[in-house]
């Protein structure tokens, strides 16, 4: 896409700010290579809201077009297209026509009207558009036929024009709304159609992880059809890289600024960008020095000022998610409790004075819309910024959007203390989570890669797994496990990669106790740490590794 392209689809500003995701872009390249070979490998992109799924898809389309690739991209957002099968078929086929003709360079609006679509559709689409017009004009249209017409359209077109298509379906779980109409099973229809497609590769994604998991699970129609590609928030290094693009004059201070932004936002790209843009505005318009305190002020303004990006997003997410769940008043109460501290099901029941089964239902409903998740027996927010917003703005607190208001300065101390406590509590919860996983070890065979090792690994059985502190207070461990083997464990649950010195410290303690060291780091490991672990045989796991290990353990 040339730099002077009107930003109907993907603005030059978005492209210049795009950061990280090299692994994910490479995975999409591999899918495109397989498509060219006639063996498409469909991809399901899974990640929480605002982790940059749509941004990634648009960037990949930009790169395909920039290199003049023979594979043509088709992007369709299904969020507002699934009210009826008739509307769905029109929007789906209209989007295919738009991308074949305009490739994101003009407005899509004319292609969503059947009258104009008849005139604008390229020759390869004339037949399906004519069929669509015929059925839309009937009082009792065959709705299953319309779904078949839409889902078969990409491969039919690809074969007609002699070029493969990469079809990206954003907010894909929305198609299940079509099942509200008698006789329709949208996912089954989709699978039946794409199973024979050899000229199309499909990438699906959605904002609600639980919904995506549901359509990919073993009992669902799309099981085994899509390979899963998970998208996570940025680590500190990539947060700093994004800030460097937003605040180019502040390179000397980026380590401190990046650390502060990572701590406050959790590395979610949308939040990082919003805080960075706020800082940029203050620097240019108000000549404000960009310091760590300015970062904290910008975060507060973005989160607590009603006209700011983060505030408006949190308000939307809070209201819409609760509407999609059930029991609005009770769920708001649960979210308010969890905003202050992580709680077990029984603790929620006690605070709300309801039965444990009722509390469990409330928490399950919130988990279904991705607002909360369970870790080590405690429920907590998936999104740390939303948690802070619920604890403050949702209760009625709002502040001006200037960096010098008195209330803003009073809020800084509260913000710093809240995040300090949250970091300590989360770390303790994660240590408990790792110990609980180890207590379930019982000779299971798992992929060695989950522990940084080659080949399959058989897990030992431990008699005791407890925190450890030596009598002289010189040695502290998050876990000392005794049984078939002796392991010592360090759990690092901060948004910073573990470095070689961290692994050496754990290795030194392990040697003193005659034990095997295992280092669990949520944000992964630097290149030096990875090399040291491989050289010394130190077991290492990232946050995703731990999640996969849990699945393997608790599935047996």
Protein backbone atom coordinates (compact mmCIF):
# COMPACT_ATOMS: atom_id res chain seq x y z
CA UNK A 1 0.00 0.00 0.00
CA UNK A 2 1.73 3.26 -1.09
CA UNK A 3 2.40 5.86 1.65
CA UNK A 4 -0.05 8.34 0.06
CA UNK A 5 -2.97 5.91 0.19
CA UNK A 6 -6.05 7.48 1.84
CA UNK A 7 -6.44 5.84 5.24
CA UNK A 8 -9.82 4.24 4.64
CA UNK A 9 -8.46 1.02 6.07
CA UNK A 10 -5.01 1.49 7.67
CA UNK A 11 -3.54 4.88 8.35
CA UNK A 12 0.16 5.72 7.81
CA UNK A 13 0.30 6.71 11.48
CA UNK A 14 -0.78 3.21 12.53
CA UNK A 15 1.81 1.66 10.24
CA UNK A 16 4.64 3.83 11.59
CA UNK A 17 3.70 2.98 15.19
CA UNK A 18 3.42 -0.77 14.58
CA UNK A 19 5.81 -2.59 16.93
CA UNK A 20 6.86 -6.16 17.70
CA UNK A 21 4.88 -9.20 16.50
CA UNK A 22 7.69 -10.58 14.34
CA UNK A 23 6.84 -14.14 15.41
CA UNK A 24 3.19 -13.65 14.52
CA UNK A 25 4.02 -12.05 11.15
CA UNK A 26 6.31 -14.97 10.37
CA UNK A 27 3.50 -17.39 11.22
CA UNK A 28 1.21 -15.61 8.77
CA UNK A 29 3.98 -15.74 6.15
CA UNK A 30 4.17 -19.51 6.67
CA UNK A 31 0.39 -19.77 6.18
CA UNK A 32 0.66 -17.82 2.93
CA UNK A 33 3.50 -20.07 1.72
CA UNK A 34 1.35 -23.13 2.43
CA UNK A 35 -1.53 -21.50 0.54
CA UNK A 36 0.64 -21.00 -2.53
CA UNK A 37 1.53 -24.69 -2.35
CA UNK A 38 -2.16 -25.60 -2.42
CA UNK A 39 -2.24 -26.85 1.19
CA UNK A 40 -3.77 -23.95 3.16
CA UNK A 41 -3.14 -23.90 6.90
CA UNK A 42 -5.88 -21.84 8.53
CA UNK A 43 -5.01 -19.72 11.57
CA UNK A 44 -7.03 -18.73 14.65
CA UNK A 45 -5.61 -15.58 16.24
CA UNK A 46 -6.47 -15.60 19.96
CA UNK A 47 -5.88 -12.76 22.41
CA UNK A 48 -7.66 -10.53 24.88
CA UNK A 49 -9.19 -7.23 23.81
CA UNK A 50 -6.77 -4.45 22.88
CA UNK A 51 -3.75 -6.69 22.51
CA UNK A 52 -3.49 -5.61 18.86
CA UNK A 53 -5.15 -8.42 16.87
CA UNK A 54 -6.79 -6.15 14.28
CA UNK A 55 -3.67 -3.98 14.14
CA UNK A 56 -1.63 -7.10 13.32
CA UNK A 57 -4.02 -8.15 10.55
CA UNK A 58 -3.96 -4.70 8.97
CA UNK A 59 -0.18 -4.50 9.16
CA UNK A 60 0.10 -7.86 7.46
CA UNK A 61 -2.22 -6.71 4.67
CA UNK A 62 -0.03 -3.61 4.29
CA UNK A 63 3.06 -5.79 3.92
CA UNK A 64 1.42 -8.13 1.42
CA UNK A 65 0.44 -5.19 -0.75
CA UNK A 66 3.75 -3.36 -0.35
CA UNK A 67 5.70 -6.32 -1.70
CA UNK A 68 3.27 -6.91 -4.58
CA UNK A 69 2.41 -10.39 -3.40
CA UNK A 70 0.37 -12.65 -5.66
CA UNK A 71 -1.87 -13.52 -2.68
CA UNK A 72 -4.78 -11.09 -2.44
CA UNK A 73 -6.03 -10.13 1.05
CA UNK A 74 -9.69 -9.93 2.01
CA UNK A 75 -10.55 -8.35 5.38
CA UNK A 76 -14.08 -8.62 6.82
CA UNK A 77 -15.19 -7.44 10.26
CA UNK A 78 -18.23 -9.52 11.18
CA UNK A 79 -19.17 -7.66 14.38
CA UNK A 80 -22.10 -5.76 12.83
CA UNK A 81 -22.81 -8.12 9.95
CA UNK A 82 -24.63 -10.94 11.73
CA UNK A 83 -28.03 -9.50 12.61
CA UNK A 84 -29.73 -11.64 9.94
CA UNK A 85 -28.53 -14.18 7.36
CA UNK A 86 -29.61 -11.77 4.61
CA UNK A 87 -27.48 -8.94 5.99
CA UNK A 88 -24.58 -11.32 6.57
CA UNK A 89 -24.55 -12.58 2.98
CA UNK A 90 -24.73 -9.03 1.61
CA UNK A 91 -21.91 -7.75 3.85
CA UNK A 92 -19.72 -10.81 3.26
CA UNK A 93 -20.00 -10.81 -0.54
CA UNK A 94 -19.86 -7.00 -0.63
CA UNK A 95 -16.55 -7.06 1.29
CA UNK A 96 -15.10 -9.65 -1.10
CA UNK A 97 -16.06 -7.44 -4.06
CA UNK A 98 -14.60 -4.36 -2.36
CA UNK A 99 -11.23 -5.96 -1.69
CA UNK A 100 -10.95 -7.44 -5.16
CA UNK A 101 -11.70 -4.04 -6.66
CA UNK A 102 -10.32 -1.43 -4.25
CA UNK A 103 -7.90 -3.22 -1.90
CA UNK A 104 -8.72 -0.82 0.95
CA UNK A 105 -8.02 2.33 -1.06
CA UNK A 106 -11.55 3.74 -1.25
CA UNK A 107 -14.71 3.82 0.85
CA UNK A 108 -16.45 0.48 1.27
CA UNK A 109 -19.93 1.97 1.69
CA UNK A 110 -21.13 1.58 -1.95
CA UNK A 111 -20.28 -2.14 -1.86
CA UNK A 112 -22.68 -2.76 1.01
CA UNK A 113 -25.76 -1.73 -1.00
CA UNK A 114 -27.14 -4.43 -3.30
CA UNK A 115 -28.10 -1.92 -6.00
CA UNK A 116 -24.62 -0.43 -6.23
CA UNK A 117 -22.97 -3.81 -5.74
CA UNK A 118 -24.64 -5.08 -8.91
CA UNK A 119 -22.89 -2.29 -10.81
CA UNK A 120 -19.53 -2.39 -9.00
CA UNK A 121 -18.88 -6.12 -8.63
CA UNK A 122 -16.02 -7.47 -10.80
CA UNK A 123 -16.85 -10.13 -13.41
CA UNK A 124 -15.75 -13.00 -11.15
CA UNK A 125 -18.49 -12.00 -8.67
CA UNK A 126 -21.35 -11.26 -11.05
CA UNK A 127 -22.93 -14.70 -10.66
CA UNK A 128 -23.02 -14.80 -6.82
CA UNK A 129 -24.16 -11.16 -6.70
CA UNK A 130 -27.01 -11.92 -9.11
CA UNK A 131 -28.01 -14.94 -6.99
CA UNK A 132 -27.82 -12.77 -3.87
CA UNK A 133 -30.07 -10.10 -5.41
CA UNK A 134 -32.60 -12.72 -6.44
CA UNK A 135 -32.88 -14.19 -2.94
CA UNK A 136 -32.84 -10.87 -1.11
CA UNK A 137 -35.92 -9.92 -3.11
CA UNK A 138 -37.93 -12.90 -1.81
CA UNK A 139 -40.19 -12.74 1.21
CA UNK A 140 -39.00 -16.13 2.47
CA UNK A 141 -35.40 -16.36 1.36
CA UNK A 142 -33.55 -19.66 1.77
CA UNK A 143 -31.23 -18.59 4.55
CA UNK A 144 -29.03 -21.67 4.49
CA UNK A 145 -28.50 -21.10 0.79
CA UNK A 146 -27.42 -17.53 1.52
CA UNK A 147 -24.82 -18.75 4.03
CA UNK A 148 -23.54 -21.33 1.55
CA UNK A 149 -23.38 -18.62 -1.11
CA UNK A 150 -21.32 -16.33 1.15
CA UNK A 151 -18.90 -18.93 2.51
CA UNK A 152 -18.28 -20.51 -0.92
CA UNK A 153 -17.68 -17.13 -2.56
CA UNK A 154 -13.93 -16.63 -1.76
CA UNK A 155 -12.74 -19.95 -3.17
CA UNK A 156 -14.98 -19.65 -6.24
CA UNK A 157 -13.54 -16.20 -6.92
CA UNK A 158 -9.94 -17.32 -6.31
CA UNK A 159 -10.29 -20.08 -8.87
CA UNK A 160 -11.96 -17.72 -11.34
CA UNK A 161 -9.18 -15.10 -11.19
CA UNK A 162 -6.33 -17.58 -10.80
CA UNK A 163 -4.95 -16.01 -7.62
CA UNK A 164 -5.08 -17.30 -4.03
CA UNK A 165 -6.93 -15.30 -1.36
CA UNK A 166 -6.03 -14.70 2.29
CA UNK A 167 -9.40 -14.17 3.99
CA UNK A 168 -9.26 -12.47 7.40
CA UNK A 169 -12.48 -12.68 9.42
CA UNK A 170 -12.35 -10.30 12.39
CA UNK A 171 -14.77 -10.78 15.31
CA UNK A 172 -15.52 -14.20 13.86
CA UNK A 173 -17.50 -15.61 16.83
CA UNK A 174 -20.29 -13.16 15.91
CA UNK A 175 -21.40 -15.64 13.20
CA UNK A 176 -22.95 -17.75 15.96
CA UNK A 177 -25.68 -15.11 16.31
CA UNK A 178 -27.04 -16.45 13.04
CA UNK A 179 -27.90 -19.68 14.87
CA UNK A 180 -30.85 -17.80 16.41
CA UNK A 181 -32.63 -18.39 13.11
CA UNK A 182 -34.34 -21.78 12.66
CA UNK A 183 -32.33 -24.50 10.94
CA UNK A 184 -29.02 -22.61 10.88
CA UNK A 185 -25.69 -23.83 12.22
CA UNK A 186 -23.24 -21.20 10.96
CA UNK A 187 -20.04 -22.87 12.19
CA UNK A 188 -20.95 -26.23 10.68
CA UNK A 189 -21.80 -24.54 7.37
CA UNK A 190 -18.52 -22.64 7.42
CA UNK A 191 -16.50 -25.79 8.07
CA UNK A 192 -18.30 -27.75 5.38
CA UNK A 193 -17.56 -25.04 2.83
CA UNK A 194 -13.91 -24.33 3.62
CA UNK A 195 -12.87 -27.99 3.94
CA UNK A 196 -12.69 -28.19 0.15
CA UNK A 197 -11.04 -24.79 -0.38
CA UNK A 198 -7.54 -25.00 -1.82
CA UNK A 199 -7.18 -21.44 -3.09
CA UNK A 200 -8.12 -19.69 0.18
CA UNK A 201 -6.49 -19.47 3.59
CA UNK A 202 -8.64 -18.22 6.48
CA UNK A 203 -7.49 -16.25 9.51
CA UNK A 204 -10.15 -15.84 12.18
CA UNK A 205 -9.96 -13.80 15.37
CA UNK A 206 -12.22 -12.40 18.08
CA UNK A 207 -12.09 -10.11 21.09
CA UNK A 208 -13.55 -12.57 23.60
CA UNK A 209 -11.05 -15.34 24.27
CA UNK A 210 -13.63 -17.63 25.86
CA UNK A 211 -15.76 -17.39 22.72
CA UNK A 212 -12.77 -18.21 20.51
CA UNK A 213 -11.82 -21.11 22.77
CA UNK A 214 -15.38 -22.38 22.54
CA UNK A 215 -15.39 -22.60 18.76
CA UNK A 216 -11.98 -24.31 18.68
CA UNK A 217 -12.50 -26.88 21.43
CA UNK A 218 -12.68 -30.61 20.81
CA UNK A 219 -16.48 -30.80 20.64
CA UNK A 220 -16.88 -27.76 18.36
CA UNK A 221 -17.29 -27.84 14.55
CA UNK A 222 -13.95 -26.06 13.92
CA UNK A 223 -11.83 -28.37 16.07
CA UNK A 224 -8.58 -29.32 14.25
CA UNK A 225 -9.36 -27.01 11.31
CA UNK A 226 -7.41 -24.00 12.64
CA UNK A 227 -3.95 -23.72 14.10
CA UNK A 228 -3.89 -21.47 17.15
CA UNK A 229 -1.74 -18.31 17.29
CA UNK A 230 -1.84 -16.51 20.66
CA UNK A 231 -1.26 -12.78 21.05
CA UNK A 232 0.00 -11.47 24.39
CA UNK A 233 0.69 -7.98 25.78
CA UNK A 234 4.12 -6.47 25.18
CA UNK A 235 7.08 -7.10 27.45
CA UNK A 236 9.07 -4.09 28.67
CA UNK A 237 11.44 -4.15 25.70
CA UNK A 238 8.63 -3.85 23.17
CA UNK A 239 6.75 -1.30 25.26
CA UNK A 240 9.91 0.79 25.16
CA UNK A 241 10.16 0.29 21.38
CA UNK A 242 6.61 1.58 20.87
CA UNK A 243 7.29 4.57 23.13
CA UNK A 244 10.40 5.37 21.08
CA UNK A 245 8.15 5.87 18.05
CA UNK A 246 5.65 7.98 19.98
CA UNK A 247 8.25 10.07 21.88
CA UNK A 248 11.25 10.25 19.52
CA UNK A 249 12.91 13.16 21.38
CA UNK A 250 13.15 11.26 24.65
CA UNK A 251 15.55 8.45 23.78
CA UNK A 252 17.84 9.11 26.76
CA UNK A 253 15.00 8.58 29.24
CA UNK A 254 13.30 5.62 27.52
CA UNK A 255 14.48 2.93 29.98
CA UNK A 256 12.84 4.70 32.92
CA UNK A 257 9.80 5.79 30.92
CA UNK A 258 9.30 2.31 29.46
CA UNK A 259 9.55 0.72 32.89
CA UNK A 260 6.91 3.09 34.28
CA UNK A 261 4.52 2.63 31.35
CA UNK A 262 4.93 -1.16 31.51
CA UNK A 263 4.16 -1.17 35.23
CA UNK A 264 1.00 0.89 34.78
CA UNK A 265 -0.40 -0.57 31.55
CA UNK A 266 0.75 -4.20 31.75
CA UNK A 267 2.15 -3.78 28.22
CA UNK A 268 -1.24 -3.73 26.47
CA UNK A 269 -0.49 -1.95 23.15
CA UNK A 270 -3.66 0.17 23.18
CA UNK A 271 -2.91 1.53 26.66
CA UNK A 272 0.77 2.09 25.88
CA UNK A 273 -0.18 4.03 22.76
CA UNK A 274 -2.80 6.12 24.58
CA UNK A 275 -0.38 7.10 27.36
CA UNK A 276 2.37 7.81 24.82
CA UNK A 277 0.09 10.01 22.73
CA UNK A 278 -1.01 11.93 25.83
CA UNK A 279 2.63 12.53 26.78
CA UNK A 280 3.44 13.62 23.24
CA UNK A 281 0.60 16.15 23.30
CA UNK A 282 1.72 17.57 26.64
CA UNK A 283 5.31 17.81 25.44
CA UNK A 284 4.40 19.67 22.23
CA UNK A 285 1.44 21.77 23.39
CA UNK A 286 2.41 22.47 27.02
CA UNK A 287 6.22 22.12 26.86
CA UNK A 288 5.97 19.59 29.71
CA UNK A 289 9.15 17.63 30.51
CA UNK A 290 8.61 13.88 30.01
CA UNK A 291 9.51 12.22 33.31
CA UNK A 292 8.32 9.18 35.24
CA UNK A 293 5.98 11.45 37.18
CA UNK A 294 4.59 12.77 33.89
CA UNK A 295 3.97 9.14 32.82
CA UNK A 296 1.96 8.55 35.99
CA UNK A 297 0.03 11.78 35.45
CA UNK A 298 -0.72 10.84 31.85
CA UNK A 299 -1.93 7.41 32.92
CA UNK A 300 -4.25 8.93 35.52
CA UNK A 301 -5.68 11.44 33.04
CA UNK A 302 -6.19 8.76 30.39
CA UNK A 303 -7.87 6.43 32.86
CA UNK A 304 -9.94 8.89 34.91
CA UNK A 305 -10.79 11.77 32.56
CA UNK A 306 -14.14 11.02 30.83
CA UNK A 307 -13.05 12.40 27.44
CA UNK A 308 -9.86 10.33 27.30
CA UNK A 309 -9.26 7.21 25.20
CA UNK A 310 -8.66 4.72 28.03
CA UNK A 311 -11.60 6.00 30.11
CA UNK A 312 -13.99 5.71 27.15
CA UNK A 313 -12.75 2.24 26.28
CA UNK A 314 -13.06 1.02 29.88
CA UNK A 315 -16.56 2.46 30.12
CA UNK A 316 -17.55 0.72 26.89
CA UNK A 317 -15.96 -2.60 27.92
CA UNK A 318 -17.51 -2.48 31.39
CA UNK A 319 -21.02 -1.69 30.19
CA UNK A 320 -21.08 -3.94 27.14
CA UNK A 321 -19.54 -6.95 28.89
CA UNK A 322 -22.00 -6.78 31.76
CA UNK A 323 -24.88 -6.46 29.31
CA UNK A 324 -23.66 -9.60 27.55
CA UNK A 325 -23.48 -11.44 30.86
CA UNK A 326 -26.41 -11.76 33.26
CA UNK A 327 -27.41 -10.27 36.59
CA UNK A 328 -26.12 -6.75 35.96
CA UNK A 329 -26.30 -5.35 39.49
CA UNK A 330 -24.69 -8.36 41.14
CA UNK A 331 -21.91 -8.52 38.56
CA UNK A 332 -21.03 -4.86 39.12
CA UNK A 333 -20.74 -5.66 42.81
CA UNK A 334 -18.43 -8.60 42.12
CA UNK A 335 -16.23 -6.48 39.87
CA UNK A 336 -16.01 -3.80 42.56
CA UNK A 337 -14.85 -6.40 45.10
CA UNK A 338 -12.24 -7.88 42.75
CA UNK A 339 -10.97 -4.39 41.90
CA UNK A 340 -9.76 -4.15 45.49
CA UNK A 341 -8.32 -7.65 45.91
CA UNK A 342 -8.25 -11.11 44.35
CA UNK A 343 -10.84 -13.38 45.98
CA UNK A 344 -11.87 -17.02 46.04
CA UNK A 345 -15.40 -18.13 45.21
CA UNK A 346 -16.23 -18.62 48.88
CA UNK A 347 -14.88 -15.17 49.76
CA UNK A 348 -17.07 -13.55 47.09
CA UNK A 349 -20.07 -15.47 48.43
CA UNK A 350 -19.33 -14.28 51.96
CA UNK A 351 -18.90 -10.63 50.95
CA UNK A 352 -22.10 -10.59 48.90
CA UNK A 353 -24.03 -12.77 51.36
CA UNK A 354 -25.04 -15.26 48.69
CA UNK A 355 -24.53 -19.00 48.35
CA UNK A 356 -21.26 -20.37 47.01
CA UNK A 357 -23.06 -21.77 43.96
CA UNK A 358 -24.54 -18.33 43.20
CA UNK A 359 -21.12 -16.68 43.57
CA UNK A 360 -19.66 -19.34 41.29
CA UNK A 361 -22.28 -18.48 38.65
CA UNK A 362 -21.43 -14.77 38.89
CA UNK A 363 -17.72 -15.46 38.45
CA UNK A 364 -18.34 -17.87 35.60
CA UNK A 365 -20.44 -15.28 33.76
CA UNK A 366 -17.70 -12.69 34.15
CA UNK A 367 -15.11 -15.20 32.95
CA UNK A 368 -17.22 -15.96 29.88
CA UNK A 369 -16.83 -12.34 28.74
CA UNK A 370 -13.11 -12.29 29.66
CA UNK A 371 -13.35 -9.74 32.44
CA UNK A 372 -11.92 -12.09 35.09
CA UNK A 373 -9.93 -15.32 35.25
CA UNK A 374 -9.04 -17.83 37.94
CA UNK A 375 -5.44 -18.32 39.05
CA UNK A 376 -4.40 -20.54 41.94
CA UNK A 377 -7.95 -20.60 43.31
CA UNK A 378 -8.37 -16.80 43.24
CA UNK A 379 -10.32 -14.71 40.75
CA UNK A 380 -8.62 -11.64 39.34
CA UNK A 381 -8.96 -9.19 36.44
CA UNK A 382 -7.47 -10.09 33.08
CA UNK A 383 -6.87 -6.39 32.44
CA UNK A 384 -4.96 -4.41 35.12
CA UNK A 385 -6.01 -1.03 33.72
CA UNK A 386 -9.70 -1.95 33.74
CA UNK A 387 -9.22 -3.08 37.33
CA UNK A 388 -7.90 0.34 38.31
CA UNK A 389 -10.68 2.06 36.36
CA UNK A 390 -13.38 0.04 38.14
CA UNK A 391 -11.82 0.85 41.53
CA UNK A 392 -11.88 4.57 40.76
CA UNK A 393 -13.79 5.94 37.76
CA UNK A 394 -16.62 3.37 37.89
CA UNK A 395 -17.34 4.56 41.42
CA UNK A 396 -17.79 8.14 40.25
CA UNK A 397 -14.30 9.65 40.43
CA UNK A 398 -13.37 11.78 37.40
CA UNK A 399 -10.55 14.28 36.97
CA UNK A 400 -9.70 17.09 34.51
CA UNK A 401 -7.45 16.28 31.58
CA UNK A 402 -4.67 18.69 32.49
CA UNK A 403 -1.37 17.68 34.13
CA UNK A 404 -1.46 20.33 36.87
CA UNK A 405 -4.80 19.79 38.63
CA UNK A 406 -4.70 19.50 42.43
CA UNK A 407 -6.78 16.30 42.48
CA UNK A 408 -4.38 14.70 39.98
CA UNK A 409 -1.41 15.33 42.24
CA UNK A 410 -3.31 13.91 45.20
CA UNK A 411 -4.05 10.77 43.17
CA UNK A 412 -0.40 10.06 42.36
CA UNK A 413 0.46 8.75 45.82
CA UNK A 414 -2.61 6.50 45.82
CA UNK A 415 -1.73 5.17 42.36
CA UNK A 416 1.84 4.35 43.35
CA UNK A 417 0.77 2.56 46.53
CA UNK A 418 -2.00 0.63 44.75
CA UNK A 419 0.34 -0.66 42.08
CA UNK A 420 3.03 -1.52 44.61
CA UNK A 421 0.56 -3.64 46.58
CA UNK A 422 -0.88 -5.19 43.42
CA UNK A 423 2.58 -6.27 42.26
CA UNK A 424 3.34 -7.90 45.62
CA UNK A 425 -0.05 -9.66 45.75
CA UNK A 426 0.19 -10.91 42.17
CA UNK A 427 3.68 -12.24 42.77
CA UNK A 428 2.51 -14.15 45.82
CA UNK A 429 -0.48 -15.55 43.94
CA UNK A 430 1.74 -16.75 41.09
CA UNK A 431 4.18 -18.40 43.51
CA UNK A 432 1.24 -20.27 45.04
CA UNK A 433 0.03 -21.22 41.57
CA UNK A 434 3.40 -22.75 40.64
CA UNK A 435 3.56 -24.70 43.90
CA UNK A 436 0.06 -26.07 43.28
CA UNK A 437 1.06 -27.22 39.80
CA UNK A 438 4.12 -29.00 41.23
CA UNK A 439 2.00 -30.79 43.82
CA UNK A 440 0.12 -32.35 40.88
CA UNK A 441 3.29 -33.81 39.35
CA UNK A 442 2.91 -37.60 39.33
CA UNK A 443 5.10 -39.08 36.64
CA UNK A 444 3.27 -37.46 33.71
CA UNK A 445 5.17 -37.14 30.44
CA UNK A 446 5.15 -33.61 29.00
CA UNK A 447 6.94 -31.76 26.22
CA UNK A 448 10.41 -30.85 27.44
CA UNK A 449 10.10 -27.46 25.73
CA UNK A 450 7.71 -26.39 28.52
CA UNK A 451 10.74 -26.61 30.86
CA UNK A 452 13.34 -25.42 28.37
CA UNK A 453 14.54 -28.98 27.77
CA UNK A 454 14.80 -31.16 24.68
CA UNK A 455 12.49 -34.11 24.03
CA UNK A 456 9.77 -35.43 26.33
CA UNK A 457 10.23 -35.14 30.10
CA UNK A 458 8.74 -37.32 32.84
CA UNK A 459 7.75 -35.22 35.84
CA UNK A 460 8.82 -36.40 39.30
CA UNK A 461 6.41 -36.89 42.19
CA UNK A 462 7.02 -34.64 45.20
CA UNK A 463 6.12 -35.38 48.80
CA UNK A 464 6.35 -31.72 49.86
CA UNK A 465 6.31 -28.46 47.90
CA UNK A 466 6.65 -25.40 50.13
CA UNK A 467 8.32 -21.98 50.27
CA UNK A 468 11.76 -22.13 51.86
CA UNK A 469 13.84 -19.84 54.01
CA UNK A 470 17.13 -20.96 55.57
CA UNK A 471 17.68 -20.67 59.33
CA UNK A 472 20.18 -17.85 58.83
CA UNK A 473 17.78 -15.98 56.54
CA UNK A 474 20.36 -15.91 53.73
CA UNK A 475 18.52 -18.20 51.32
CA UNK A 476 14.89 -17.71 50.27
CA UNK A 477 13.10 -19.76 47.63
CA UNK A 478 9.61 -19.52 46.19
CA UNK A 479 9.46 -23.31 46.30
CA UNK A 480 11.55 -26.20 47.58
CA UNK A 481 10.16 -29.52 46.32
CA UNK A 482 11.27 -32.82 47.86
CA UNK A 483 10.43 -36.29 46.63
CA UNK A 484 11.65 -38.40 43.72
CA UNK A 485 13.90 -35.44 42.96
CA UNK A 486 14.73 -32.18 44.70
CA UNK A 487 13.85 -28.95 42.86
CA UNK A 488 14.29 -25.29 43.82
CA UNK A 489 12.10 -22.72 42.11
CA UNK A 490 12.18 -18.99 41.44
CA UNK A 491 8.99 -17.31 40.16
CA UNK A 492 9.39 -13.93 38.43
CA UNK A 493 5.97 -12.49 37.62
CA UNK A 494 7.01 -8.98 36.66
CA UNK A 495 6.91 -7.46 33.19
CA UNK A 496 10.67 -7.79 32.75
CA UNK A 497 12.72 -10.55 31.19
CA UNK A 498 14.92 -12.71 33.39
CA UNK A 499 18.65 -12.12 32.84
CA UNK A 500 21.72 -14.37 33.21
CA UNK A 501 22.49 -13.06 36.70
CA UNK A 502 19.00 -14.12 37.84
CA UNK A 503 19.61 -17.68 36.66
CA UNK A 504 23.09 -17.78 38.20
CA UNK A 505 21.70 -16.77 41.59
CA UNK A 506 19.13 -19.57 41.47
CA UNK A 507 21.77 -22.03 40.26
CA UNK A 508 24.02 -21.12 43.19
CA UNK A 509 21.21 -21.81 45.67
CA UNK A 510 20.35 -25.07 43.93
CA UNK A 511 23.93 -26.32 44.17
CA UNK A 512 24.00 -25.52 47.88
CA UNK A 513 20.93 -27.72 48.38
CA UNK A 514 21.87 -30.40 45.84
CA UNK A 515 18.75 -29.61 43.82
CA UNK A 516 17.65 -28.94 40.22
CA UNK A 517 16.84 -25.29 39.49
CA UNK A 518 13.63 -24.20 37.72
CA UNK A 519 13.10 -20.54 36.85
CA UNK A 520 9.60 -19.38 35.86
CA UNK A 521 9.51 -15.93 34.24
CA UNK A 522 6.24 -14.47 33.02
CA UNK A 523 7.94 -12.23 30.43
CA UNK A 524 10.50 -14.74 29.23
CA UNK A 525 14.27 -14.61 29.14
CA UNK A 526 16.95 -12.51 27.48
CA UNK A 527 19.10 -14.13 24.81
CA UNK A 528 21.94 -14.38 27.32
CA UNK A 529 19.71 -16.10 29.86
CA UNK A 530 18.48 -18.59 27.25
CA UNK A 531 22.07 -19.43 26.30
CA UNK A 532 23.07 -19.89 29.94
CA UNK A 533 20.06 -22.13 30.65
CA UNK A 534 20.90 -24.34 27.67
CA UNK A 535 24.56 -24.53 28.64
CA UNK A 536 23.97 -25.29 32.33
CA UNK A 537 20.81 -27.39 32.04
CA UNK A 538 18.72 -24.92 34.06
CA UNK A 539 15.00 -25.54 33.61
CA UNK A 540 13.12 -22.43 32.43
CA UNK A 541 9.48 -21.66 31.65
CA UNK A 542 7.68 -18.56 30.40
CA UNK A 543 4.15 -17.53 31.39
CA UNK A 544 2.62 -19.33 28.36
CA UNK A 545 4.79 -22.39 29.11
CA UNK A 546 3.34 -22.50 32.63
CA UNK A 547 -0.21 -22.28 31.26
CA UNK A 548 0.45 -25.15 28.85
CA UNK A 549 2.07 -27.17 31.64
CA UNK A 550 -1.02 -26.61 33.77
CA UNK A 551 -3.25 -27.85 30.96
CA UNK A 552 -1.13 -30.96 30.55
CA UNK A 553 -1.11 -31.64 34.31
CA UNK A 554 -4.75 -30.99 35.06
CA UNK A 555 -5.93 -32.91 31.99
CA UNK A 556 -4.51 -36.15 33.41
